[in-house]
Amino acid sequence: MLNLIFVFAIIISFVFYFYFKTKQFRSPLPIAKNWYKSKANVSFGAFILVFGFNQAYLFPGLYTFIIVAILVVLGIFVVIENIKKVRHYGQFVDEEYRINQ
């Protein structure tokens, strides 16, 4: 059952990654592009994090736990850094849309 939850979370994070990447490429505004890029990177960080937990659940072993530790630290770092960027760019997105209409 836990494996199904991990797989579902992996798929959802991957779908959100592609959704925000597509929004990034289609947006003509530079701040909105950075905002969507940061959102896509949050989803990618979540993907790395959940993938690491899934691997630890499926293949318990010493080497797997070492690699999973690296993936979890990297995933947490990517998520935290890009959440900061999403908050920063989110302040200016509405203003940018209003100015450029």
PDB file of N, CA and C in Angstrom:
ATOM      1  N   MET A   1       0.821  -1.194   0.000  1.00  0.00           N
ATOM      2  CA  MET A   1       0.000   0.000   0.000  1.00  0.00           C
ATOM      3  C   MET A   1       0.865   1.258   0.000  1.00  0.00           C
ATOM      4  N   LEU A   2       1.931   1.251   0.798  1.00  0.00           N
ATOM      5  CA  LEU A   2       2.823   2.405   0.854  1.00  0.00           C
ATOM      6  C   LEU A   2       3.502   2.636  -0.491  1.00  0.00           C
ATOM      7  N   ASN A   3       3.823   1.556  -1.189  1.00  0.00           N
ATOM      8  CA  ASN A   3       4.434   1.673  -2.504  1.00  0.00           C
ATOM      9  C   ASN A   3       3.488   2.380  -3.479  1.00  0.00           C
ATOM     10  N   LEU A   4       2.204   2.073  -3.407  1.00  0.00           N
ATOM     11  CA  LEU A   4       1.237   2.734  -4.287  1.00  0.00           C
ATOM     12  C   LEU A   4       1.151   4.229  -4.000  1.00  0.00           C
ATOM     13  N   ILE A   5       1.255   4.598  -2.743  1.00  0.00           N
ATOM     14  CA  ILE A   5       1.240   6.020  -2.385  1.00  0.00           C
ATOM     15  C   ILE A   5       2.474   6.716  -2.954  1.00  0.00           C
ATOM     16  N   PHE A   6       3.639   6.076  -2.835  1.00  0.00           N
ATOM     17  CA  PHE A   6       4.858   6.651  -3.395  1.00  0.00           C
ATOM     18  C   PHE A   6       4.762   6.788  -4.912  1.00  0.00           C
ATOM     19  N   VAL A   7       4.266   5.764  -5.576  1.00  0.00           N
ATOM     20  CA  VAL A   7       4.138   5.812  -7.036  1.00  0.00           C
ATOM     21  C   VAL A   7       3.160   6.912  -7.456  1.00  0.00           C
ATOM     22  N   PHE A   8       2.050   7.031  -6.741  1.00  0.00           N
ATOM     23  CA  PHE A   8       1.083   8.090  -7.039  1.00  0.00           C
ATOM     24  C   PHE A   8       1.715   9.473  -6.859  1.00  0.00           C
ATOM     25  N   ALA A   9       2.484   9.660  -5.778  1.00  0.00           N
ATOM     26  CA  ALA A   9       3.148  10.938  -5.531  1.00  0.00           C
ATOM     27  C   ALA A   9       4.209  11.226  -6.594  1.00  0.00           C
ATOM     28  N   ILE A  10       4.912  10.199  -7.043  1.00  0.00           N
ATOM     29  CA  ILE A  10       5.913  10.374  -8.100  1.00  0.00           C
ATOM     30  C   ILE A  10       5.237  10.831  -9.389  1.00  0.00           C
ATOM     31  N   ILE A  11       4.146  10.191  -9.747  1.00  0.00           N
ATOM     32  CA  ILE A  11       3.433  10.549 -10.977  1.00  0.00           C
ATOM     33  C   ILE A  11       2.872  11.960 -10.892  1.00  0.00           C
ATOM     34  N   ILE A  12       2.269  12.308  -9.758  1.00  0.00           N
ATOM     35  CA  ILE A  12       1.701  13.648  -9.592  1.00  0.00           C
ATOM     36  C   ILE A  12       2.785  14.720  -9.667  1.00  0.00           C
ATOM     37  N   SER A  13       3.908  14.506  -9.020  1.00  0.00           N
ATOM     38  CA  SER A  13       4.979  15.502  -9.065  1.00  0.00           C
ATOM     39  C   SER A  13       5.549  15.636 -10.476  1.00  0.00           C
ATOM     40  N   PHE A  14       5.634  14.533 -11.205  1.00  0.00           N
ATOM     41  CA  PHE A  14       6.122  14.567 -12.579  1.00  0.00           C
ATOM     42  C   PHE A  14       5.146  15.324 -13.479  1.00  0.00           C
ATOM     43  N   VAL A  15       3.845  15.112 -13.285  1.00  0.00           N
ATOM     44  CA  VAL A  15       2.827  15.812 -14.078  1.00  0.00           C
ATOM     45  C   VAL A  15       2.884  17.310 -13.799  1.00  0.00           C
ATOM     46  N   PHE A  16       2.991  17.687 -12.518  1.00  0.00           N
ATOM     47  CA  PHE A  16       3.085  19.109 -12.187  1.00  0.00           C
ATOM     48  C   PHE A  16       4.355  19.724 -12.740  1.00  0.00           C
ATOM     49  N   TYR A  17       5.445  18.979 -12.763  1.00  0.00           N
ATOM     50  CA  TYR A  17       6.690  19.484 -13.342  1.00  0.00           C
ATOM     51  C   TYR A  17       6.484  19.849 -14.813  1.00  0.00           C
ATOM     52  N   PHE A  18       5.902  18.935 -15.576  1.00  0.00           N
ATOM     53  CA  PHE A  18       5.687  19.227 -16.996  1.00  0.00           C
ATOM     54  C   PHE A  18       4.649  20.323 -17.207  1.00  0.00           C
ATOM     55  N   TYR A  19       3.658  20.389 -16.349  1.00  0.00           N
ATOM     56  CA  TYR A  19       2.648  21.453 -16.459  1.00  0.00           C
ATOM     57  C   TYR A  19       3.295  22.821 -16.275  1.00  0.00           C
ATOM     58  N   PHE A  20       4.090  22.989 -15.229  1.00  0.00           N
ATOM     59  CA  PHE A  20       4.706  24.286 -14.974  1.00  0.00           C
ATOM     60  C   PHE A  20       5.811  24.602 -15.981  1.00  0.00           C
ATOM     61  N   LYS A  21       6.503  23.587 -16.480  1.00  0.00           N
ATOM     62  CA  LYS A  21       7.503  23.834 -17.528  1.00  0.00           C
ATOM     63  C   LYS A  21       6.824  24.337 -18.803  1.00  0.00           C
ATOM     64  N   THR A  22       5.680  23.758 -19.128  1.00  0.00           N
ATOM     65  CA  THR A  22       4.932  24.212 -20.303  1.00  0.00           C
ATOM     66  C   THR A  22       4.460  25.644 -20.108  1.00  0.00           C
ATOM     67  N   LYS A  23       3.966  25.964 -18.912  1.00  0.00           N
ATOM     68  CA  LYS A  23       3.535  27.337 -18.622  1.00  0.00           C
ATOM     69  C   LYS A  23       4.725  28.296 -18.711  1.00  0.00           C
ATOM     70  N   GLN A  24       5.889  27.838 -18.292  1.00  0.00           N
ATOM     71  CA  GLN A  24       7.084  28.677 -18.364  1.00  0.00           C
ATOM     72  C   GLN A  24       7.426  29.013 -19.811  1.00  0.00           C
ATOM     73  N   PHE A  25       7.403  28.027 -20.690  1.00  0.00           N
ATOM     74  CA  PHE A  25       7.751  28.272 -22.082  1.00  0.00           C
ATOM     75  C   PHE A  25       6.718  29.114 -22.808  1.00  0.00           C
ATOM     76  N   ARG A  26       5.471  29.038 -22.394  1.00  0.00           N
ATOM     77  CA  ARG A  26       4.406  29.773 -23.080  1.00  0.00           C
ATOM     78  C   ARG A  26       4.231  31.194 -22.578  1.00  0.00           C
ATOM     79  N   SER A  27       4.797  31.519 -21.433  1.00  0.00           N
ATOM     80  CA  SER A  27       4.626  32.851 -20.863  1.00  0.00           C
ATOM     81  C   SER A  27       5.588  33.838 -21.520  1.00  0.00           C
ATOM     82  N   PRO A  28       5.079  34.980 -21.964  1.00  0.00           N
ATOM     83  CA  PRO A  28       5.968  35.976 -22.572  1.00  0.00           C
ATOM     84  C   PRO A  28       6.629  36.902 -21.554  1.00  0.00           C
ATOM     85  N   LEU A  29       6.179  36.879 -20.304  1.00  0.00           N
ATOM     86  CA  LEU A  29       6.662  37.818 -19.297  1.00  0.00           C
ATOM     87  C   LEU A  29       7.817  37.220 -18.488  1.00  0.00           C
ATOM     88  N   PRO A  30       8.893  37.978 -18.283  1.00  0.00           N
ATOM     89  CA  PRO A  30      10.089  37.405 -17.643  1.00  0.00           C
ATOM     90  C   PRO A  30       9.890  36.998 -16.180  1.00  0.00           C
ATOM     91  N   ILE A  31       9.172  37.787 -15.402  1.00  0.00           N
ATOM     92  CA  ILE A  31       8.979  37.423 -13.993  1.00  0.00           C
ATOM     93  C   ILE A  31       8.074  36.199 -13.897  1.00  0.00           C
ATOM     94  N   ALA A  32       7.048  36.141 -14.744  1.00  0.00           N
ATOM     95  CA  ALA A  32       6.166  34.974 -14.752  1.00  0.00           C
ATOM     96  C   ALA A  32       6.938  33.724 -15.171  1.00  0.00           C
ATOM     97  N   LYS A  33       7.866  33.882 -16.116  1.00  0.00           N
ATOM     98  CA  LYS A  33       8.696  32.739 -16.525  1.00  0.00           C
ATOM     99  C   LYS A  33       9.506  32.208 -15.338  1.00  0.00           C
ATOM    100  N   ASN A  34      10.124  33.123 -14.596  1.00  0.00           N
ATOM    101  CA  ASN A  34      10.904  32.704 -13.428  1.00  0.00           C
ATOM    102  C   ASN A  34      10.022  32.081 -12.359  1.00  0.00           C
ATOM    103  N   TRP A  35       8.805  32.599 -12.204  1.00  0.00           N
ATOM    104  CA  TRP A  35       7.867  32.061 -11.221  1.00  0.00           C
ATOM    105  C   TRP A  35       7.480  30.628 -11.577  1.00  0.00           C
ATOM    106  N   TYR A  36       7.129  30.414 -12.852  1.00  0.00           N
ATOM    107  CA  TYR A  36       6.773  29.059 -13.294  1.00  0.00           C
ATOM    108  C   TYR A  36       7.972  28.115 -13.240  1.00  0.00           C
ATOM    109  N   LYS A  37       9.148  28.636 -13.541  1.00  0.00           N
ATOM    110  CA  LYS A  37      10.358  27.812 -13.462  1.00  0.00           C
ATOM    111  C   LYS A  37      10.594  27.351 -12.025  1.00  0.00           C
ATOM    112  N   SER A  38      10.411  28.256 -11.076  1.00  0.00           N
ATOM    113  CA  SER A  38      10.590  27.897  -9.672  1.00  0.00           C
ATOM    114  C   SER A  38       9.546  26.887  -9.220  1.00  0.00           C
ATOM    115  N   LYS A  39       8.307  27.046  -9.687  1.00  0.00           N
ATOM    116  CA  LYS A  39       7.260  26.079  -9.341  1.00  0.00           C
ATOM    117  C   LYS A  39       7.588  24.702  -9.923  1.00  0.00           C
ATOM    118  N   ALA A  40       8.099  24.684 -11.159  1.00  0.00           N
ATOM    119  CA  ALA A  40       8.480  23.414 -11.769  1.00  0.00           C
ATOM    120  C   ALA A  40       9.617  22.763 -10.977  1.00  0.00           C
ATOM    121  N   ASN A  41      10.550  23.566 -10.492  1.00  0.00           N
ATOM    122  CA  ASN A  41      11.659  23.015  -9.723  1.00  0.00           C
ATOM    123  C   ASN A  41      11.213  22.496  -8.357  1.00  0.00           C
ATOM    124  N   VAL A  42      10.186  23.104  -7.773  1.00  0.00           N
ATOM    125  CA  VAL A  42       9.623  22.563  -6.528  1.00  0.00           C
ATOM    126  C   VAL A  42       9.056  21.171  -6.797  1.00  0.00           C
ATOM    127  N   SER A  43       8.345  21.031  -7.910  1.00  0.00           N
ATOM    128  CA  SER A  43       7.792  19.721  -8.269  1.00  0.00           C
ATOM    129  C   SER A  43       8.906  18.710  -8.540  1.00  0.00           C
ATOM    130  N   PHE A  44       9.972  19.167  -9.189  1.00  0.00           N
ATOM    131  CA  PHE A  44      11.100  18.269  -9.456  1.00  0.00           C
ATOM    132  C   PHE A  44      11.783  17.843  -8.159  1.00  0.00           C
ATOM    133  N   GLY A  45      11.930  18.765  -7.227  1.00  0.00           N
ATOM    134  CA  GLY A  45      12.500  18.418  -5.931  1.00  0.00           C
ATOM    135  C   GLY A  45      11.638  17.418  -5.181  1.00  0.00           C
ATOM    136  N   ALA A  46      10.322  17.592  -5.273  1.00  0.00           N
ATOM    137  CA  ALA A  46       9.404  16.636  -4.651  1.00  0.00           C
ATOM    138  C   ALA A  46       9.539  15.267  -5.319  1.00  0.00           C
ATOM    139  N   PHE A  47       9.721  15.273  -6.637  1.00  0.00           N
ATOM    140  CA  PHE A  47       9.934  14.020  -7.369  1.00  0.00           C
ATOM    141  C   PHE A  47      11.181  13.304  -6.854  1.00  0.00           C
ATOM    142  N   ILE A  48      12.280  14.036  -6.715  1.00  0.00           N
ATOM    143  CA  ILE A  48      13.526  13.440  -6.226  1.00  0.00           C
ATOM    144  C   ILE A  48      13.342  12.886  -4.818  1.00  0.00           C
ATOM    145  N   LEU A  49      12.678  13.652  -3.972  1.00  0.00           N
ATOM    146  CA  LEU A  49      12.459  13.256  -2.590  1.00  0.00           C
ATOM    147  C   LEU A  49      11.619  11.984  -2.486  1.00  0.00           C
ATOM    148  N   VAL A  50      10.498  11.953  -3.178  1.00  0.00           N
ATOM    149  CA  VAL A  50       9.599  10.790  -3.109  1.00  0.00           C
ATOM    150  C   VAL A  50      10.236   9.579  -3.793  1.00  0.00           C
ATOM    151  N   PHE A  51      10.967   9.819  -4.873  1.00  0.00           N
ATOM    152  CA  PHE A  51      11.667   8.715  -5.538  1.00  0.00           C
ATOM    153  C   PHE A  51      12.682   8.078  -4.594  1.00  0.00           C
ATOM    154  N   GLY A  52      13.396   8.910  -3.836  1.00  0.00           N
ATOM    155  CA  GLY A  52      14.349   8.370  -2.867  1.00  0.00           C
ATOM    156  C   GLY A  52      13.670   7.528  -1.803  1.00  0.00           C
ATOM    157  N   PHE A  53      12.549   8.013  -1.270  1.00  0.00           N
ATOM    158  CA  PHE A  53      11.821   7.236  -0.267  1.00  0.00           C
ATOM    159  C   PHE A  53      11.291   5.927  -0.852  1.00  0.00           C
ATOM    160  N   ASN A  54      10.848   5.979  -2.097  1.00  0.00           N
ATOM    161  CA  ASN A  54      10.342   4.764  -2.746  1.00  0.00           C
ATOM    162  C   ASN A  54      11.456   3.729  -2.909  1.00  0.00           C
ATOM    163  N   GLN A  55      12.625   4.176  -3.283  1.00  0.00           N
ATOM    164  CA  GLN A  55      13.744   3.247  -3.446  1.00  0.00           C
ATOM    165  C   GLN A  55      14.152   2.639  -2.109  1.00  0.00           C
ATOM    166  N   ALA A  56      14.118   3.445  -1.041  1.00  0.00           N
ATOM    167  CA  ALA A  56      14.455   2.918   0.277  1.00  0.00           C
ATOM    168  C   ALA A  56      13.432   1.873   0.716  1.00  0.00           C
ATOM    169  N   TYR A  57      12.181   2.077   0.346  1.00  0.00           N
ATOM    170  CA  TYR A  57      11.136   1.125   0.709  1.00  0.00           C
ATOM    171  C   TYR A  57      11.265  -0.174  -0.099  1.00  0.00           C
ATOM    172  N   LEU A  58      11.589  -0.046  -1.385  1.00  0.00           N
ATOM    173  CA  LEU A  58      11.645  -1.220  -2.254  1.00  0.00           C
ATOM    174  C   LEU A  58      12.911  -2.053  -2.063  1.00  0.00           C
ATOM    175  N   PHE A  59      14.045  -1.399  -1.897  1.00  0.00           N
ATOM    176  CA  PHE A  59      15.335  -2.091  -1.851  1.00  0.00           C
ATOM    177  C   PHE A  59      16.112  -1.717  -0.596  1.00  0.00           C
ATOM    178  N   PRO A  60      15.728  -2.264   0.549  1.00  0.00           N
ATOM    179  CA  PRO A  60      16.464  -1.927   1.770  1.00  0.00           C
ATOM    180  C   PRO A  60      17.855  -2.557   1.761  1.00  0.00           C
ATOM    181  N   GLY A  61      18.838  -1.733   1.864  1.00  0.00           N
ATOM    182  CA  GLY A  61      20.225  -2.182   1.886  1.00  0.00           C
ATOM    183  C   GLY A  61      21.125  -1.004   2.201  1.00  0.00           C
ATOM    184  N   LEU A  62      22.366  -1.285   2.549  1.00  0.00           N
ATOM    185  CA  LEU A  62      23.277  -0.229   2.965  1.00  0.00           C
ATOM    186  C   LEU A  62      23.548   0.764   1.838  1.00  0.00           C
ATOM    187  N   TYR A  63      23.895   0.267   0.662  1.00  0.00           N
ATOM    188  CA  TYR A  63      24.199   1.172  -0.454  1.00  0.00           C
ATOM    189  C   TYR A  63      22.974   1.955  -0.892  1.00  0.00           C
ATOM    190  N   THR A  64      21.837   1.316  -0.852  1.00  0.00           N
ATOM    191  CA  THR A  64      20.601   2.009  -1.210  1.00  0.00           C
ATOM    192  C   THR A  64      20.328   3.147  -0.236  1.00  0.00           C
ATOM    193  N   PHE A  65      20.543   2.915   1.049  1.00  0.00           N
ATOM    194  CA  PHE A  65      20.290   3.958   2.033  1.00  0.00           C
ATOM    195  C   PHE A  65      21.270   5.122   1.900  1.00  0.00           C
ATOM    196  N   ILE A  66      22.482   4.846   1.468  1.00  0.00           N
ATOM    197  CA  ILE A  66      23.444   5.926   1.230  1.00  0.00           C
ATOM    198  C   ILE A  66      22.982   6.784   0.058  1.00  0.00           C
ATOM    199  N   ILE A  67      22.579   6.144  -1.020  1.00  0.00           N
ATOM    200  CA  ILE A  67      22.092   6.879  -2.194  1.00  0.00           C
ATOM    201  C   ILE A  67      20.795   7.608  -1.864  1.00  0.00           C
ATOM    202  N   VAL A  68      19.914   6.965  -1.110  1.00  0.00           N
ATOM    203  CA  VAL A  68      18.652   7.592  -0.719  1.00  0.00           C
ATOM    204  C   VAL A  68      18.914   8.813   0.152  1.00  0.00           C
ATOM    205  N   ALA A  69      19.888   8.740   1.034  1.00  0.00           N
ATOM    206  CA  ALA A  69      20.220   9.894   1.876  1.00  0.00           C
ATOM    207  C   ALA A  69      20.649  11.077   1.018  1.00  0.00           C
ATOM    208  N   ILE A  70      21.440  10.802  -0.010  1.00  0.00           N
ATOM    209  CA  ILE A  70      21.856  11.868  -0.930  1.00  0.00           C
ATOM    210  C   ILE A  70      20.647  12.428  -1.662  1.00  0.00           C
ATOM    211  N   LEU A  71      19.763  11.562  -2.166  1.00  0.00           N
ATOM    212  CA  LEU A  71      18.579  12.022  -2.881  1.00  0.00           C
ATOM    213  C   LEU A  71      17.652  12.829  -1.980  1.00  0.00           C
ATOM    214  N   VAL A  72      17.478  12.404  -0.747  1.00  0.00           N
ATOM    215  CA  VAL A  72      16.586  13.118   0.176  1.00  0.00           C
ATOM    216  C   VAL A  72      17.152  14.494   0.507  1.00  0.00           C
ATOM    217  N   VAL A  73      18.439  14.575   0.783  1.00  0.00           N
ATOM    218  CA  VAL A  73      19.050  15.872   1.080  1.00  0.00           C
ATOM    219  C   VAL A  73      18.954  16.788  -0.136  1.00  0.00           C
ATOM    220  N   LEU A  74      19.250  16.263  -1.311  1.00  0.00           N
ATOM    221  CA  LEU A  74      19.149  17.057  -2.531  1.00  0.00           C
ATOM    222  C   LEU A  74      17.709  17.506  -2.783  1.00  0.00           C
ATOM    223  N   GLY A  75      16.759  16.604  -2.613  1.00  0.00           N
ATOM    224  CA  GLY A  75      15.352  16.938  -2.819  1.00  0.00           C
ATOM    225  C   GLY A  75      14.870  18.007  -1.858  1.00  0.00           C
ATOM    226  N   ILE A  76      15.232  17.877  -0.593  1.00  0.00           N
ATOM    227  CA  ILE A  76      14.828  18.891   0.394  1.00  0.00           C
ATOM    228  C   ILE A  76      15.453  20.236   0.066  1.00  0.00           C
ATOM    229  N   PHE A  77      16.723  20.233  -0.321  1.00  0.00           N
ATOM    230  CA  PHE A  77      17.400  21.472  -0.691  1.00  0.00           C
ATOM    231  C   PHE A  77      16.722  22.145  -1.881  1.00  0.00           C
ATOM    232  N   VAL A  78      16.419  21.374  -2.917  1.00  0.00           N
ATOM    233  CA  VAL A  78      15.778  21.928  -4.115  1.00  0.00           C
ATOM    234  C   VAL A  78      14.397  22.481  -3.782  1.00  0.00           C
ATOM    235  N   VAL A  79      13.627  21.764  -2.984  1.00  0.00           N
ATOM    236  CA  VAL A  79      12.280  22.216  -2.624  1.00  0.00           C
ATOM    237  C   VAL A  79      12.348  23.510  -1.820  1.00  0.00           C
ATOM    238  N   ILE A  80      13.196  23.557  -0.801  1.00  0.00           N
ATOM    239  CA  ILE A  80      13.261  24.741   0.059  1.00  0.00           C
ATOM    240  C   ILE A  80      13.736  25.964  -0.711  1.00  0.00           C
ATOM    241  N   GLU A  81      14.787  25.814  -1.497  1.00  0.00           N
ATOM    242  CA  GLU A  81      15.302  26.959  -2.251  1.00  0.00           C
ATOM    243  C   GLU A  81      14.281  27.498  -3.250  1.00  0.00           C
ATOM    244  N   ASN A  82      13.570  26.605  -3.906  1.00  0.00           N
ATOM    245  CA  ASN A  82      12.627  27.067  -4.913  1.00  0.00           C
ATOM    246  C   ASN A  82      11.313  27.557  -4.315  1.00  0.00           C
ATOM    247  N   ILE A  83      10.961  27.110  -3.120  1.00  0.00           N
ATOM    248  CA  ILE A  83       9.803  27.694  -2.446  1.00  0.00           C
ATOM    249  C   ILE A  83      10.095  29.157  -2.111  1.00  0.00           C
ATOM    250  N   LYS A  84      11.325  29.445  -1.709  1.00  0.00           N
ATOM    251  CA  LYS A  84      11.714  30.841  -1.464  1.00  0.00           C
ATOM    252  C   LYS A  84      11.579  31.668  -2.738  1.00  0.00           C
ATOM    253  N   LYS A  85      12.000  31.104  -3.866  1.00  0.00           N
ATOM    254  CA  LYS A  85      11.906  31.821  -5.138  1.00  0.00           C
ATOM    255  C   LYS A  85      10.455  32.011  -5.570  1.00  0.00           C
ATOM    256  N   VAL A  86       9.621  30.995  -5.343  1.00  0.00           N
ATOM    257  CA  VAL A  86       8.203  31.115  -5.698  1.00  0.00           C
ATOM    258  C   VAL A  86       7.564  32.239  -4.903  1.00  0.00           C
ATOM    259  N   ARG A  87       7.853  32.321  -3.630  1.00  0.00           N
ATOM    260  CA  ARG A  87       7.304  33.398  -2.800  1.00  0.00           C
ATOM    261  C   ARG A  87       7.807  34.756  -3.258  1.00  0.00           C
ATOM    262  N   HIS A  88       9.084  34.833  -3.614  1.00  0.00           N
ATOM    263  CA  HIS A  88       9.647  36.112  -4.047  1.00  0.00           C
ATOM    264  C   HIS A  88       9.021  36.578  -5.361  1.00  0.00           C
ATOM    265  N   TYR A  89       9.009  35.706  -6.367  1.00  0.00           N
ATOM    266  CA  TYR A  89       8.461  36.101  -7.662  1.00  0.00           C
ATOM    267  C   TYR A  89       6.946  36.251  -7.619  1.00  0.00           C
ATOM    268  N   GLY A  90       6.289  35.522  -6.733  1.00  0.00           N
ATOM    269  CA  GLY A  90       4.836  35.608  -6.631  1.00  0.00           C
ATOM    270  C   GLY A  90       4.350  36.986  -6.248  1.00  0.00           C
ATOM    271  N   GLN A  91       5.187  37.768  -5.558  1.00  0.00           N
ATOM    272  CA  GLN A  91       4.817  39.120  -5.178  1.00  0.00           C
ATOM    273  C   GLN A  91       4.664  40.031  -6.391  1.00  0.00           C
ATOM    274  N   PHE A  92       5.382  39.743  -7.461  1.00  0.00           N
ATOM    275  CA  PHE A  92       5.456  40.657  -8.593  1.00  0.00           C
ATOM    276  C   PHE A  92       4.685  40.191  -9.823  1.00  0.00           C
ATOM    277  N   VAL A  93       4.154  38.976  -9.807  1.00  0.00           N
ATOM    278  CA  VAL A  93       3.502  38.418 -10.998  1.00  0.00           C
ATOM    279  C   VAL A  93       2.234  39.184 -11.344  1.00  0.00           C
ATOM    280  N   ASP A  94       1.373  39.451 -10.359  1.00  0.00           N
ATOM    281  CA  ASP A  94       0.129  40.180 -10.647  1.00  0.00           C
ATOM    282  C   ASP A  94       0.411  41.583 -11.172  1.00  0.00           C
ATOM    283  N   GLU A  95       1.392  42.230 -10.579  1.00  0.00           N
ATOM    284  CA  GLU A  95       1.757  43.568 -11.042  1.00  0.00           C
ATOM    285  C   GLU A  95       2.280  43.529 -12.471  1.00  0.00           C
ATOM    286  N   GLU A  96       3.068  42.523 -12.795  1.00  0.00           N
ATOM    287  CA  GLU A  96       3.606  42.402 -14.144  1.00  0.00           C
ATOM    288  C   GLU A  96       2.490  42.162 -15.161  1.00  0.00           C
ATOM    289  N   TYR A  97       1.507  41.326 -14.807  1.00  0.00           N
ATOM    290  CA  TYR A  97       0.381  41.101 -15.709  1.00  0.00           C
ATOM    291  C   TYR A  97      -0.421  42.388 -15.920  1.00  0.00           C
ATOM    292  N   ARG A  98      -0.640  43.149 -14.833  1.00  0.00           N
ATOM    293  CA  ARG A  98      -1.406  44.397 -14.952  1.00  0.00           C
ATOM    294  C   ARG A  98      -0.677  45.407 -15.835  1.00  0.00           C
ATOM    295  N   ILE A  99       0.632  45.519 -15.676  1.00  0.00           N
ATOM    296  CA  ILE A  99       1.412  46.494 -16.440  1.00  0.00           C
ATOM    297  C   ILE A  99       1.430  46.127 -17.923  1.00  0.00           C
ATOM    298  N   ASN A 100       1.480  44.873 -18.252  1.00  0.00           N
ATOM    299  CA  ASN A 100       1.663  44.444 -19.633  1.00  0.00           C
ATOM    300  C   ASN A 100       0.359  44.122 -20.369  1.00  0.00           C
ATOM    301  N   GLN A 101      -0.763  44.502 -19.822  1.00  0.00           N
ATOM    302  CA  GLN A 101      -2.012  44.254 -20.547  1.00  0.00           C
ATOM    303  C   GLN A 101      -2.357  45.378 -21.475  1.00  0.00           C
TER     304      GLN A 101
END
